[in-house]
Amino acid sequence: MGIIKIKGADLSTLIEVEQNGGKFYDEGVEGDCIEILKKYGFNYVRLRLWNDPYAPDGRPYSAGTNDFDMLVKLGRRVVDAGLGFLLDFHYSDFWADPGKQFMPKAWAENATVESLTKNVYDYTFKTVSDLIALGLKPTMIQIGNELSNGLLWPYGKVPEYDNIAKFVSSGIDAVRAIDKSIPLMIHLDNGGKNELYREWFDNYTKRGSDFDIIGLSYYPFWHGSLEALKNNMNDIAKRYGKDLVVAEVSMGFTMEDYGLYEGLASDERKGYATRKELIDKIEHPMTKEGQCQFMKDFGDVIKQVPHDRGLGFFYWEPAWLPVPNVGWASEAALEYTHEAGPGGNEWANQALFDYEGNALPALKVIKAI
């Protein structure tokens, strides 16, 4: 079996969590979250970037409010800690995922395929150039986020693969123009769905600029069994000859309610992403012990990818504690995405710290895998 080279965490909400009272502890001693994760073998951090996560009147979208300034603050801490840095371009003002890929507000007026292609190039080029000038060169860059259904809708919505390839290639070409050595990732969701990956990458590789890494999301309560993930990773590693990274993964440690920590009325709370009907179908229980066993078994899947193509993983938002005022969307954000809400925390029971910020046993498992 191979070795796991990347043990990463997406910490995009970290500063907002800290600003709203979140504290982190290891064996009862308060410490810096990044340093605690580093102690347990983490060597990479993934940070998302939204173009303009504010309403026209200036209200923030929350969930990290991950604009360029926030990226610089977080990126500085990551680089100073000596960790790798994966930059995750969403090419949206807020969440971009298979259910929504809204173009940035500034790009939307009189948008055309040609203008969007240029916007992607210019924005990517400026962002990466500015980071390098600040001494924050990304170690890896992700061009788009969970692109299973495309990006920059409606022009780049599946099955518009010609446009998808133009937009993604524009981002790739911008980075290559700056530094050809930075590894580039294209990321889809639903890591257990082989037919999705075959259709998407068969279409892209006929049309688009070359890249280095296929990124996958894998949440066991949404994306099938570990066996399905294993089969898909093995197939696409051989089919496309690319390295693989699970760019998002998590597993719950409890189904205990965290409403008292959030401080929200019941109608203001989002509630668990892991509804009971979902967790009843998964292979591991949502307990501390189940989280530990899942991470061990998941690590084995990464390590057995043929030709050591499985580089590693990024645990998604292990530090999103259920503190007040750090939900997945503010009222201003819901206006942008046209969603009903509510916008509270739906991820606290997926973290690698308990609701009071204490390091969980799964961190020792991650260190050992």
Protein backbone atom coordinates (compact mmCIF):
# COMPACT_ATOMS: atom_id res chain seq x y z
CA MET A 1 0.00 0.00 0.00
CA GLY A 2 1.04 3.56 -0.62
CA ILE A 3 1.43 6.37 1.88
CA ILE A 4 -0.78 9.38 2.47
CA LYS A 5 1.26 12.42 1.47
CA ILE A 6 -1.41 15.08 2.08
CA LYS A 7 -3.31 15.30 5.35
CA GLY A 8 -5.24 18.51 4.98
CA ALA A 9 -8.05 20.49 6.55
CA ASP A 10 -10.37 23.11 5.13
CA LEU A 11 -10.30 25.89 7.71
CA SER A 12 -12.12 28.60 5.78
CA THR A 13 -14.44 29.57 8.68
CA LEU A 14 -11.70 29.58 11.33
CA ILE A 15 -11.29 33.31 11.85
CA GLU A 16 -15.04 33.93 12.09
CA VAL A 17 -15.32 31.07 14.59
CA GLU A 18 -12.53 32.61 16.68
CA GLN A 19 -14.03 36.11 16.45
CA ASN A 20 -17.29 34.76 17.84
CA GLY A 21 -15.79 33.02 20.83
CA GLY A 22 -14.55 29.69 19.50
CA LYS A 23 -11.57 28.25 21.38
CA PHE A 24 -9.61 25.04 20.78
CA TYR A 25 -8.12 22.65 23.30
CA ASP A 26 -5.81 19.65 23.15
CA GLU A 27 -5.74 17.46 26.26
CA GLY A 28 -7.32 20.31 28.21
CA VAL A 29 -4.80 22.96 27.16
CA GLU A 30 -5.99 25.86 24.99
CA GLY A 31 -4.04 26.28 21.78
CA ASP A 32 -4.06 27.57 18.23
CA CYS A 33 -6.24 25.39 16.01
CA ILE A 34 -3.68 25.22 13.19
CA GLU A 35 -0.89 24.24 15.58
CA ILE A 36 -3.07 21.54 17.15
CA LEU A 37 -3.83 20.05 13.75
CA LYS A 38 -0.15 20.24 12.81
CA LYS A 39 0.69 18.27 15.96
CA TYR A 40 -1.60 15.51 14.71
CA GLY A 41 0.09 15.22 11.34
CA PHE A 42 -1.80 17.74 9.23
CA ASN A 43 0.50 19.28 6.62
CA TYR A 44 -1.90 21.21 4.37
CA VAL A 45 -4.79 23.68 4.66
CA ARG A 46 -7.43 24.37 2.03
CA LEU A 47 -8.94 27.86 1.85
CA ARG A 48 -11.86 28.91 -0.33
CA LEU A 49 -12.13 32.23 -2.13
CA TRP A 50 -15.36 34.01 -2.97
CA ASN A 51 -15.18 37.01 -5.28
CA ASP A 52 -17.39 39.44 -3.33
CA PRO A 53 -19.26 37.83 -0.40
CA TYR A 54 -21.18 40.96 0.52
CA ALA A 55 -24.58 42.37 -0.36
CA PRO A 56 -24.58 45.62 -2.35
CA ASP A 57 -25.26 47.45 0.94
CA GLY A 58 -22.19 45.88 2.55
CA ARG A 59 -23.79 43.14 4.67
CA PRO A 60 -21.48 40.07 4.85
CA TYR A 61 -22.58 36.63 3.66
CA SER A 62 -21.03 34.80 6.67
CA ALA A 63 -19.75 31.18 6.59
CA GLY A 64 -16.27 32.64 6.69
CA THR A 65 -16.97 35.66 4.44
CA ASN A 66 -14.03 34.42 2.39
CA ASP A 67 -12.97 37.39 0.30
CA PHE A 68 -9.36 38.15 -0.66
CA ASP A 69 -8.63 39.94 2.62
CA MET A 70 -9.80 36.94 4.65
CA LEU A 71 -7.76 34.67 2.38
CA VAL A 72 -4.64 36.70 3.13
CA LYS A 73 -5.25 36.60 6.91
CA LEU A 74 -5.78 32.84 6.93
CA GLY A 75 -3.10 32.17 4.35
CA ARG A 76 -0.52 34.07 6.40
CA ARG A 77 -1.20 31.83 9.40
CA VAL A 78 -0.96 28.70 7.29
CA VAL A 79 2.30 29.70 5.63
CA ASP A 80 3.81 30.87 8.94
CA ALA A 81 2.97 27.44 10.40
CA GLY A 82 4.97 25.82 7.59
CA LEU A 83 1.97 24.07 6.03
CA GLY A 84 0.97 23.65 2.40
CA PHE A 85 -1.82 25.88 1.08
CA LEU A 86 -4.53 24.79 -1.37
CA LEU A 87 -6.35 27.77 -2.89
CA ASP A 88 -9.96 26.90 -3.79
CA PHE A 89 -11.45 29.27 -6.39
CA HIS A 90 -15.26 29.14 -6.35
CA TYR A 91 -15.75 31.75 -9.12
CA SER A 92 -18.85 32.93 -7.30
CA ASP A 93 -19.69 35.41 -4.56
CA PHE A 94 -20.81 32.55 -2.30
CA TRP A 95 -21.04 28.75 -2.20
CA ALA A 96 -20.47 27.03 -5.53
CA ASP A 97 -21.49 23.37 -5.55
CA PRO A 98 -23.56 20.99 -7.73
CA GLY A 99 -26.78 22.70 -6.64
CA LYS A 100 -25.70 26.26 -7.39
CA GLN A 101 -22.99 27.91 -9.43
CA PHE A 102 -24.00 31.58 -9.49
CA MET A 103 -21.67 33.88 -11.37
CA PRO A 104 -20.22 36.81 -9.40
CA LYS A 105 -22.42 39.90 -9.31
CA ALA A 106 -19.73 41.98 -11.02
CA TRP A 107 -19.59 39.55 -13.96
CA ALA A 108 -23.31 39.06 -14.45
CA GLU A 109 -24.34 42.25 -16.28
CA ASN A 110 -24.21 41.74 -20.06
CA ALA A 111 -22.36 38.46 -19.52
CA THR A 112 -21.27 36.42 -22.55
CA VAL A 113 -19.15 33.29 -22.88
CA GLU A 114 -16.32 35.50 -24.09
CA SER A 115 -16.58 38.01 -21.24
CA LEU A 116 -16.77 35.26 -18.61
CA THR A 117 -13.76 33.48 -20.08
CA LYS A 118 -11.78 36.72 -19.85
CA ASN A 119 -13.05 37.43 -16.34
CA VAL A 120 -11.90 34.02 -15.12
CA TYR A 121 -8.45 34.56 -16.61
CA ASP A 122 -8.01 38.10 -15.31
CA TYR A 123 -9.34 37.33 -11.81
CA THR A 124 -7.25 34.18 -11.46
CA PHE A 125 -4.11 35.90 -12.74
CA LYS A 126 -4.50 38.90 -10.43
CA THR A 127 -5.32 36.81 -7.36
CA VAL A 128 -2.39 34.45 -7.73
CA SER A 129 0.00 37.27 -8.65
CA ASP A 130 -1.08 39.30 -5.62
CA LEU A 131 -0.67 36.32 -3.29
CA ILE A 132 2.83 35.63 -4.58
CA ALA A 133 3.75 39.30 -4.12
CA LEU A 134 2.65 38.98 -0.48
CA GLY A 135 4.79 35.89 0.04
CA LEU A 136 1.74 33.62 0.04
CA LYS A 137 2.27 31.47 -3.04
CA PRO A 138 -0.30 28.64 -3.08
CA THR A 139 1.17 25.16 -2.97
CA MET A 140 -1.76 23.87 -5.06
CA ILE A 141 -4.71 25.55 -6.78
CA GLN A 142 -8.23 24.30 -7.40
CA ILE A 143 -9.94 25.75 -10.50
CA GLY A 144 -13.59 25.80 -9.50
CA ASN A 145 -15.43 23.99 -6.73
CA GLU A 146 -17.48 20.79 -7.11
CA LEU A 147 -17.95 21.28 -10.85
CA SER A 148 -20.16 18.20 -11.36
CA ASN A 149 -22.88 20.38 -12.90
CA GLY A 150 -20.51 22.97 -14.35
CA LEU A 151 -19.79 26.55 -13.31
CA LEU A 152 -20.88 30.12 -14.10
CA TRP A 153 -24.47 29.13 -14.80
CA PRO A 154 -26.29 29.22 -17.14
CA TYR A 155 -23.48 29.45 -19.72
CA GLY A 156 -21.35 26.74 -18.15
CA LYS A 157 -24.06 24.38 -16.95
CA VAL A 158 -23.81 20.70 -17.89
CA PRO A 159 -24.11 19.60 -20.71
CA GLU A 160 -22.47 22.80 -22.06
CA TYR A 161 -19.06 21.13 -22.01
CA ASP A 162 -17.56 23.43 -24.63
CA ASN A 163 -18.17 26.41 -22.36
CA ILE A 164 -17.17 24.52 -19.22
CA ALA A 165 -13.84 23.67 -20.84
CA LYS A 166 -13.33 27.31 -21.89
CA PHE A 167 -13.95 28.62 -18.38
CA VAL A 168 -11.86 26.01 -16.56
CA SER A 169 -9.05 26.21 -19.11
CA SER A 170 -8.98 29.98 -18.73
CA GLY A 171 -8.24 29.61 -15.02
CA ILE A 172 -5.63 26.93 -15.69
CA ASP A 173 -3.96 29.02 -18.37
CA ALA A 174 -3.80 32.05 -16.06
CA VAL A 175 -1.94 30.10 -13.38
CA ARG A 176 0.36 28.47 -15.93
CA ALA A 177 1.25 31.94 -17.26
CA ILE A 178 2.50 32.85 -13.78
CA ASP A 179 4.11 29.62 -12.59
CA LYS A 180 3.94 26.32 -14.44
CA SER A 181 5.09 24.41 -11.36
CA ILE A 182 1.94 24.94 -9.26
CA PRO A 183 -0.17 21.73 -9.31
CA LEU A 184 -3.72 22.34 -10.55
CA MET A 185 -6.82 20.45 -9.49
CA ILE A 186 -10.27 19.98 -11.05
CA HIS A 187 -12.81 18.97 -8.41
CA LEU A 188 -16.18 17.18 -8.60
CA ASP A 189 -18.49 16.00 -5.84
CA ASN A 190 -20.06 12.54 -5.27
CA GLY A 191 -16.84 10.55 -5.11
CA GLY A 192 -18.63 7.21 -5.21
CA LYS A 193 -20.31 7.86 -8.57
CA ASN A 194 -18.01 6.52 -11.27
CA GLU A 195 -20.33 7.34 -14.18
CA LEU A 196 -20.27 11.03 -13.20
CA TYR A 197 -16.47 11.15 -13.29
CA ARG A 198 -16.22 9.25 -16.55
CA GLU A 199 -18.75 11.45 -18.33
CA TRP A 200 -17.34 14.72 -16.99
CA PHE A 201 -13.65 14.04 -17.54
CA ASP A 202 -14.17 12.25 -20.86
CA ASN A 203 -15.82 15.43 -22.08
CA TYR A 204 -13.33 17.81 -20.49
CA THR A 205 -10.15 16.05 -21.57
CA LYS A 206 -11.25 16.23 -25.23
CA ARG A 207 -11.54 19.99 -24.99
CA GLY A 208 -9.68 21.53 -22.08
CA SER A 209 -6.21 22.54 -20.93
CA ASP A 210 -4.16 19.93 -19.13
CA PHE A 211 -4.19 19.72 -15.34
CA ASP A 212 -2.54 17.63 -12.62
CA ILE A 213 -5.00 16.37 -10.02
CA ILE A 214 -8.57 15.10 -9.90
CA GLY A 215 -10.28 16.22 -6.70
CA LEU A 216 -13.25 14.36 -5.24
CA SER A 217 -15.73 15.09 -2.47
CA TYR A 218 -16.76 12.11 -0.39
CA TYR A 219 -19.32 12.32 2.38
CA PRO A 220 -20.49 8.80 3.34
CA PHE A 221 -24.00 9.99 4.20
CA TRP A 222 -24.45 11.42 0.67
CA HIS A 223 -22.00 9.70 -1.67
CA GLY A 224 -22.29 5.94 -1.22
CA SER A 225 -20.08 3.30 0.35
CA LEU A 226 -16.33 3.32 0.81
CA GLU A 227 -16.28 0.45 -1.68
CA ALA A 228 -17.90 2.72 -4.27
CA LEU A 229 -15.29 5.40 -3.56
CA LYS A 230 -12.52 2.83 -3.88
CA ASN A 231 -13.83 1.51 -7.19
CA ASN A 232 -14.19 5.01 -8.63
CA MET A 233 -10.73 6.14 -7.53
CA ASN A 234 -9.10 3.01 -8.90
CA ASP A 235 -10.86 3.41 -12.24
CA ILE A 236 -10.20 7.11 -12.82
CA ALA A 237 -6.56 6.84 -11.69
CA LYS A 238 -5.99 4.36 -14.52
CA ARG A 239 -8.33 5.99 -17.03
CA TYR A 240 -6.92 9.54 -16.82
CA GLY A 241 -3.41 9.02 -15.43
CA LYS A 242 -3.84 11.78 -12.85
CA ASP A 243 -3.09 11.97 -9.16
CA LEU A 244 -6.16 11.97 -6.91
CA VAL A 245 -7.00 13.97 -3.80
CA VAL A 246 -10.21 13.70 -1.79
CA ALA A 247 -10.66 17.45 -1.52
CA GLU A 248 -13.55 17.18 0.93
CA VAL A 249 -14.37 14.46 3.45
CA SER A 250 -15.93 14.32 6.90
CA MET A 251 -17.64 11.94 9.29
CA GLY A 252 -19.77 12.79 12.31
CA PHE A 253 -18.82 12.02 15.90
CA THR A 254 -22.27 12.48 17.46
CA MET A 255 -25.92 13.18 16.80
CA GLU A 256 -26.21 15.13 20.05
CA ASP A 257 -27.97 18.44 19.56
CA TYR A 258 -25.88 21.62 19.69
CA GLY A 259 -28.66 24.22 19.78
CA LEU A 260 -27.65 25.62 23.16
CA TYR A 261 -24.19 26.44 21.79
CA GLU A 262 -25.53 28.18 18.68
CA GLY A 263 -27.87 30.39 20.64
CA LEU A 264 -30.52 30.47 17.92
CA ALA A 265 -34.28 30.05 18.06
CA SER A 266 -35.47 26.77 16.56
CA ASP A 267 -36.79 28.48 13.42
CA GLU A 268 -33.39 30.15 12.89
CA ARG A 269 -31.40 26.91 13.00
CA LYS A 270 -30.37 24.92 9.96
CA GLY A 271 -29.92 21.66 11.86
CA TYR A 272 -27.75 18.70 10.93
CA ALA A 273 -26.71 18.00 7.39
CA THR A 274 -26.68 14.40 8.64
CA ARG A 275 -30.38 13.73 9.06
CA LYS A 276 -31.31 10.47 10.76
CA GLU A 277 -32.61 8.89 7.56
CA LEU A 278 -29.16 9.42 6.04
CA ILE A 279 -27.07 8.07 8.89
CA ASP A 280 -29.23 4.96 9.25
CA LYS A 281 -27.80 3.82 5.89
CA ILE A 282 -24.08 4.36 6.42
CA GLU A 283 -21.41 1.84 7.37
CA HIS A 284 -20.04 3.55 10.48
CA PRO A 285 -22.02 4.91 13.44
CA MET A 286 -21.84 8.63 14.15
CA THR A 287 -19.98 8.24 17.42
CA LYS A 288 -16.43 9.12 18.42
CA GLU A 289 -15.48 5.49 17.89
CA GLY A 290 -17.27 5.41 14.53
CA GLN A 291 -15.47 8.55 13.38
CA CYS A 292 -12.14 6.93 14.30
CA GLN A 293 -12.89 3.71 12.43
CA PHE A 294 -14.17 5.61 9.41
CA MET A 295 -10.96 7.62 9.12
CA LYS A 296 -8.87 4.46 9.36
CA ASP A 297 -10.92 2.67 6.69
CA PHE A 298 -11.02 5.79 4.52
CA GLY A 299 -7.23 6.12 4.77
CA ASP A 300 -6.88 2.54 3.54
CA VAL A 301 -8.90 3.43 0.43
CA ILE A 302 -6.55 6.32 -0.34
CA LYS A 303 -3.44 4.20 0.18
CA GLN A 304 -4.48 1.40 -2.19
CA VAL A 305 -5.10 3.59 -5.27
CA PRO A 306 -2.95 2.12 -8.08
CA HIS A 307 0.56 3.47 -8.73
CA ASP A 308 0.41 5.59 -5.54
CA ARG A 309 -1.94 8.00 -7.31
CA GLY A 310 -3.90 8.61 -4.10
CA LEU A 311 -2.10 11.63 -2.63
CA GLY A 312 -4.33 12.26 0.37
CA PHE A 313 -7.32 14.23 1.61
CA PHE A 314 -8.69 17.45 3.09
CA TYR A 315 -11.06 17.07 6.05
CA TRP A 316 -13.81 19.57 5.46
CA GLU A 317 -14.25 22.24 8.14
CA PRO A 318 -13.03 20.29 11.19
CA ALA A 319 -13.00 23.51 13.24
CA TRP A 320 -16.52 24.82 12.50
CA LEU A 321 -17.67 24.99 16.12
CA PRO A 322 -21.31 25.83 16.93
CA VAL A 323 -20.61 29.36 18.15
CA PRO A 324 -23.19 32.12 17.58
CA ASN A 325 -23.17 34.08 14.31
CA VAL A 326 -21.21 31.60 12.18
CA GLY A 327 -23.86 29.80 10.15
CA TRP A 328 -23.72 28.60 6.57
CA ALA A 329 -25.50 31.72 5.23
CA SER A 330 -26.61 35.14 6.46
CA GLU A 331 -29.87 36.77 5.37
CA ALA A 332 -27.89 38.75 2.81
CA ALA A 333 -26.41 35.54 1.40
CA LEU A 334 -29.84 33.91 1.12
CA GLU A 335 -30.98 36.88 -0.95
CA TYR A 336 -28.06 36.24 -3.33
CA THR A 337 -28.69 32.48 -3.62
CA HIS A 338 -32.51 32.73 -3.60
CA GLU A 339 -32.71 30.06 -0.89
CA ALA A 340 -35.21 29.99 1.95
CA GLY A 341 -32.81 29.21 4.79
CA PRO A 342 -32.52 29.22 7.75
CA GLY A 343 -28.80 29.81 7.82
CA GLY A 344 -27.45 28.29 11.02
CA ASN A 345 -24.62 25.78 11.56
CA GLU A 346 -25.25 22.37 10.00
CA TRP A 347 -21.73 21.00 10.40
CA ALA A 348 -20.70 21.09 14.07
CA ASN A 349 -21.24 17.36 14.60
CA GLN A 350 -18.84 16.64 11.70
CA ALA A 351 -15.86 18.43 13.23
CA LEU A 352 -12.64 17.05 14.70
CA PHE A 353 -13.26 19.07 17.85
CA ASP A 354 -16.28 18.63 20.11
CA TYR A 355 -18.84 21.39 20.66
CA GLU A 356 -16.61 23.00 23.32
CA GLY A 357 -13.51 22.85 21.12
CA ASN A 358 -11.79 19.79 22.60
CA ALA A 359 -9.68 17.70 20.22
CA LEU A 360 -11.40 14.41 19.37
CA PRO A 361 -9.81 10.92 19.31
CA ALA A 362 -10.02 10.79 15.50
CA LEU A 363 -7.07 13.18 15.35
CA LYS A 364 -4.81 10.47 16.75
CA VAL A 365 -6.10 8.07 14.10
CA ILE A 366 -5.35 10.61 11.37
CA LYS A 367 -1.83 11.03 12.71
CA ALA A 368 -1.31 7.27 12.52
CA ILE A 369 -2.73 6.51 9.07
